[in-house]
Amino acid sequence: MSGYRGALGLTLAMALGIALGGTPAPAAERWATEQFFRVEALEPVVRGNRTVVSGYVYNLHYSNGKVRLETDTLDASGKVIGTTTGYVDSVVPLRGRTYFAYPVRTVGASYRTVVIWYDWIDLNPGDFVRMQSR
């Protein structure tokens, strides 16, 4: 019976949040990846009719990583007015960095880029020891 009440309470809380028009939290509050990666964003560049964010993702861990980024577009007061997901085209090497660049959907006063997804990739096949038969 208590499981039913808990599920009912969760459902009501979710419905209330949707009804009140709850907005998602900024990317920096949604994911805690700063223990593994650091993002160094450069000044946005306008290319044609698109604003492009670029920079470097630093891998602070002891393994190669594949990452996905998210850039929040901020207005002059610091409020999030748009979000764009971007991809890093290559693996971020262990204790190294990789360049990224992608266009944002919404133009704003400033931008904040964070890592939202990562996967550890083992590019080292390791030491293969060949067994000798007698």
C-alpha atoms as a PDB file:
ATOM      1  CA  MET A   1       0.000   0.000   0.000  1.00  0.00           C
ATOM      2  CA  SER A   2       2.846   2.446   0.821  1.00  0.00           C
ATOM      3  CA  GLY A   3       4.414   1.792  -2.625  1.00  0.00           C
ATOM      4  CA  TYR A   4       1.137   2.865  -4.214  1.00  0.00           C
ATOM      5  CA  ARG A   5       1.082   6.102  -2.183  1.00  0.00           C
ATOM      6  CA  GLY A   6       4.694   6.848  -3.082  1.00  0.00           C
ATOM      7  CA  ALA A   7       4.008   6.329  -6.790  1.00  0.00           C
ATOM      8  CA  LEU A   8       0.864   8.436  -6.557  1.00  0.00           C
ATOM      9  CA  GLY A   9       2.787  11.228  -4.798  1.00  0.00           C
ATOM     10  CA  LEU A  10       5.533  11.168  -7.438  1.00  0.00           C
ATOM     11  CA  THR A  11       2.954  11.261 -10.239  1.00  0.00           C
ATOM     12  CA  LEU A  12       1.167  14.216  -8.640  1.00  0.00           C
ATOM     13  CA  ALA A  13       4.440  16.079  -8.117  1.00  0.00           C
ATOM     14  CA  MET A  14       5.413  15.557 -11.770  1.00  0.00           C
ATOM     15  CA  ALA A  15       1.980  16.677 -12.977  1.00  0.00           C
ATOM     16  CA  LEU A  16       2.170  19.780 -10.797  1.00  0.00           C
ATOM     17  CA  GLY A  17       5.632  20.617 -12.132  1.00  0.00           C
ATOM     18  CA  ILE A  18       4.420  20.295 -15.718  1.00  0.00           C
ATOM     19  CA  ALA A  19       1.261  22.315 -15.013  1.00  0.00           C
ATOM     20  CA  LEU A  20       3.255  25.151 -13.458  1.00  0.00           C
ATOM     21  CA  GLY A  21       5.552  25.243 -16.479  1.00  0.00           C
ATOM     22  CA  GLY A  22       8.755  24.227 -14.732  1.00  0.00           C
ATOM     23  CA  THR A  23      11.809  24.951 -16.834  1.00  0.00           C
ATOM     24  CA  PRO A  24      14.799  22.629 -16.921  1.00  0.00           C
ATOM     25  CA  ALA A  25      17.773  23.524 -14.785  1.00  0.00           C
ATOM     26  CA  PRO A  26      20.808  25.012 -16.554  1.00  0.00           C
ATOM     27  CA  ALA A  27      23.249  22.452 -17.911  1.00  0.00           C
ATOM     28  CA  ALA A  28      25.847  23.215 -15.243  1.00  0.00           C
ATOM     29  CA  GLU A  29      23.389  22.090 -12.544  1.00  0.00           C
ATOM     30  CA  ARG A  30      22.180  18.974 -14.368  1.00  0.00           C
ATOM     31  CA  TRP A  31      25.466  17.106 -14.720  1.00  0.00           C
ATOM     32  CA  ALA A  32      28.447  16.849 -12.433  1.00  0.00           C
ATOM     33  CA  THR A  33      31.212  15.953 -14.888  1.00  0.00           C
ATOM     34  CA  GLU A  34      33.799  18.521 -13.788  1.00  0.00           C
ATOM     35  CA  GLN A  35      35.671  15.847 -11.857  1.00  0.00           C
ATOM     36  CA  PHE A  36      36.584  14.196 -15.171  1.00  0.00           C
ATOM     37  CA  PHE A  37      36.558  17.007 -17.757  1.00  0.00           C
ATOM     38  CA  ARG A  38      37.187  20.725 -18.029  1.00  0.00           C
ATOM     39  CA  VAL A  39      35.819  22.882 -20.853  1.00  0.00           C
ATOM     40  CA  GLU A  40      37.732  25.941 -22.036  1.00  0.00           C
ATOM     41  CA  ALA A  41      35.433  27.876 -24.369  1.00  0.00           C
ATOM     42  CA  LEU A  42      36.830  30.541 -26.665  1.00  0.00           C
ATOM     43  CA  GLU A  43      34.999  33.692 -27.742  1.00  0.00           C
ATOM     44  CA  PRO A  44      32.075  32.856 -30.075  1.00  0.00           C
ATOM     45  CA  VAL A  45      32.675  33.618 -33.749  1.00  0.00           C
ATOM     46  CA  VAL A  46      30.057  34.673 -36.298  1.00  0.00           C
ATOM     47  CA  ARG A  47      30.432  32.700 -39.540  1.00  0.00           C
ATOM     48  CA  GLY A  48      27.949  33.839 -42.135  1.00  0.00           C
ATOM     49  CA  ASN A  49      24.596  33.877 -40.369  1.00  0.00           C
ATOM     50  CA  ARG A  50      25.614  31.429 -37.609  1.00  0.00           C
ATOM     51  CA  THR A  51      27.295  31.919 -34.249  1.00  0.00           C
ATOM     52  CA  VAL A  52      29.846  29.204 -33.562  1.00  0.00           C
ATOM     53  CA  VAL A  53      31.136  28.262 -30.114  1.00  0.00           C
ATOM     54  CA  SER A  54      34.514  26.579 -29.945  1.00  0.00           C
ATOM     55  CA  GLY A  55      37.221  25.654 -27.503  1.00  0.00           C
ATOM     56  CA  TYR A  56      38.928  22.706 -25.884  1.00  0.00           C
ATOM     57  CA  VAL A  57      37.766  19.829 -23.717  1.00  0.00           C
ATOM     58  CA  TYR A  58      40.412  18.687 -21.235  1.00  0.00           C
ATOM     59  CA  ASN A  59      40.377  15.122 -19.933  1.00  0.00           C
ATOM     60  CA  LEU A  60      41.420  15.043 -16.272  1.00  0.00           C
ATOM     61  CA  HIS A  61      40.990  11.283 -15.961  1.00  0.00           C
ATOM     62  CA  TYR A  62      43.297   8.344 -16.621  1.00  0.00           C
ATOM     63  CA  SER A  63      41.317   6.982 -19.567  1.00  0.00           C
ATOM     64  CA  ASN A  64      40.461   8.120 -23.097  1.00  0.00           C
ATOM     65  CA  GLY A  65      36.987   9.620 -23.312  1.00  0.00           C
ATOM     66  CA  LYS A  66      34.332  10.295 -25.880  1.00  0.00           C
ATOM     67  CA  VAL A  67      32.158  13.277 -24.908  1.00  0.00           C
ATOM     68  CA  ARG A  68      29.051  15.248 -25.838  1.00  0.00           C
ATOM     69  CA  LEU A  69      28.677  18.919 -24.936  1.00  0.00           C
ATOM     70  CA  GLU A  70      25.814  21.268 -24.237  1.00  0.00           C
ATOM     71  CA  THR A  71      25.928  25.036 -24.572  1.00  0.00           C
ATOM     72  CA  ASP A  72      23.482  27.250 -22.707  1.00  0.00           C
ATOM     73  CA  THR A  73      22.793  30.603 -24.369  1.00  0.00           C
ATOM     74  CA  LEU A  74      22.438  33.317 -21.735  1.00  0.00           C
ATOM     75  CA  ASP A  75      20.804  36.733 -21.954  1.00  0.00           C
ATOM     76  CA  ALA A  76      22.307  39.876 -20.396  1.00  0.00           C
ATOM     77  CA  SER A  77      20.890  38.998 -16.948  1.00  0.00           C
ATOM     78  CA  GLY A  78      22.382  35.466 -17.038  1.00  0.00           C
ATOM     79  CA  LYS A  79      19.084  33.661 -17.680  1.00  0.00           C
ATOM     80  CA  VAL A  80      19.155  30.639 -20.007  1.00  0.00           C
ATOM     81  CA  ILE A  81      17.295  31.469 -23.227  1.00  0.00           C
ATOM     82  CA  GLY A  82      18.399  28.507 -25.358  1.00  0.00           C
ATOM     83  CA  THR A  83      20.328  25.253 -25.304  1.00  0.00           C
ATOM     84  CA  THR A  84      22.338  23.527 -28.041  1.00  0.00           C
ATOM     85  CA  THR A  85      23.889  20.062 -27.949  1.00  0.00           C
ATOM     86  CA  GLY A  86      27.252  19.675 -29.654  1.00  0.00           C
ATOM     87  CA  TYR A  87      29.604  16.821 -30.372  1.00  0.00           C
ATOM     88  CA  VAL A  88      33.344  16.468 -30.059  1.00  0.00           C
ATOM     89  CA  ASP A  89      34.487  14.823 -33.278  1.00  0.00           C
ATOM     90  CA  SER A  90      37.349  12.836 -31.810  1.00  0.00           C
ATOM     91  CA  VAL A  91      38.290  11.047 -28.604  1.00  0.00           C
ATOM     92  CA  VAL A  92      39.629  13.218 -25.798  1.00  0.00           C
ATOM     93  CA  PRO A  93      42.959  11.581 -24.908  1.00  0.00           C
ATOM     94  CA  LEU A  94      43.803  10.739 -21.340  1.00  0.00           C
ATOM     95  CA  ARG A  95      45.323  13.752 -19.609  1.00  0.00           C
ATOM     96  CA  GLY A  96      45.009  15.634 -22.921  1.00  0.00           C
ATOM     97  CA  ARG A  97      42.669  17.951 -24.798  1.00  0.00           C
ATOM     98  CA  THR A  98      40.559  17.993 -27.964  1.00  0.00           C
ATOM     99  CA  TYR A  99      39.219  20.939 -29.981  1.00  0.00           C
ATOM    100  CA  PHE A 100      35.481  21.396 -30.563  1.00  0.00           C
ATOM    101  CA  ALA A 101      33.380  23.807 -32.649  1.00  0.00           C
ATOM    102  CA  TYR A 102      29.667  23.849 -33.458  1.00  0.00           C
ATOM    103  CA  PRO A 103      26.942  26.445 -34.187  1.00  0.00           C
ATOM    104  CA  VAL A 104      24.459  27.465 -31.494  1.00  0.00           C
ATOM    105  CA  ARG A 105      20.736  27.748 -32.226  1.00  0.00           C
ATOM    106  CA  THR A 106      20.070  30.878 -30.184  1.00  0.00           C
ATOM    107  CA  VAL A 107      22.204  34.025 -30.159  1.00  0.00           C
ATOM    108  CA  GLY A 108      22.700  35.604 -26.747  1.00  0.00           C
ATOM    109  CA  ALA A 109      24.864  37.850 -24.617  1.00  0.00           C
ATOM    110  CA  SER A 110      27.075  34.979 -23.400  1.00  0.00           C
ATOM    111  CA  TYR A 111      27.411  31.207 -23.483  1.00  0.00           C
ATOM    112  CA  ARG A 112      28.205  28.411 -21.016  1.00  0.00           C
ATOM    113  CA  THR A 113      29.451  25.044 -22.298  1.00  0.00           C
ATOM    114  CA  VAL A 114      29.598  21.860 -20.206  1.00  0.00           C
ATOM    115  CA  VAL A 115      30.110  18.128 -20.769  1.00  0.00           C
ATOM    116  CA  ILE A 116      26.759  16.325 -20.560  1.00  0.00           C
ATOM    117  CA  TRP A 117      27.741  12.806 -21.593  1.00  0.00           C
ATOM    118  CA  TYR A 118      30.899  10.775 -21.643  1.00  0.00           C
ATOM    119  CA  ASP A 119      32.059   7.251 -22.291  1.00  0.00           C
ATOM    120  CA  TRP A 120      35.458   5.821 -21.487  1.00  0.00           C
ATOM    121  CA  ILE A 121      37.203   4.328 -24.507  1.00  0.00           C
ATOM    122  CA  ASP A 122      40.109   1.921 -24.186  1.00  0.00           C
ATOM    123  CA  LEU A 123      42.337   2.577 -27.192  1.00  0.00           C
ATOM    124  CA  ASN A 124      45.256   0.630 -25.779  1.00  0.00           C
ATOM    125  CA  PRO A 125      44.873  -3.068 -26.565  1.00  0.00           C
ATOM    126  CA  GLY A 126      47.242  -3.801 -23.708  1.00  0.00           C
ATOM    127  CA  ASP A 127      50.202  -6.083 -23.555  1.00  0.00           C
ATOM    128  CA  PHE A 128      49.464  -9.351 -25.235  1.00  0.00           C
ATOM    129  CA  VAL A 129      51.435 -12.176 -23.751  1.00  0.00           C
ATOM    130  CA  ARG A 130      51.702 -15.126 -26.054  1.00  0.00           C
ATOM    131  CA  MET A 131      51.520 -18.461 -24.336  1.00  0.00           C
ATOM    132  CA  GLN A 132      54.150 -20.895 -25.584  1.00  0.00           C
ATOM    133  CA  SER A 133      53.150 -24.488 -25.797  1.00  0.00           C
ATOM    134  CA  ARG A 134      55.636 -27.238 -25.161  1.00  0.00           C
END
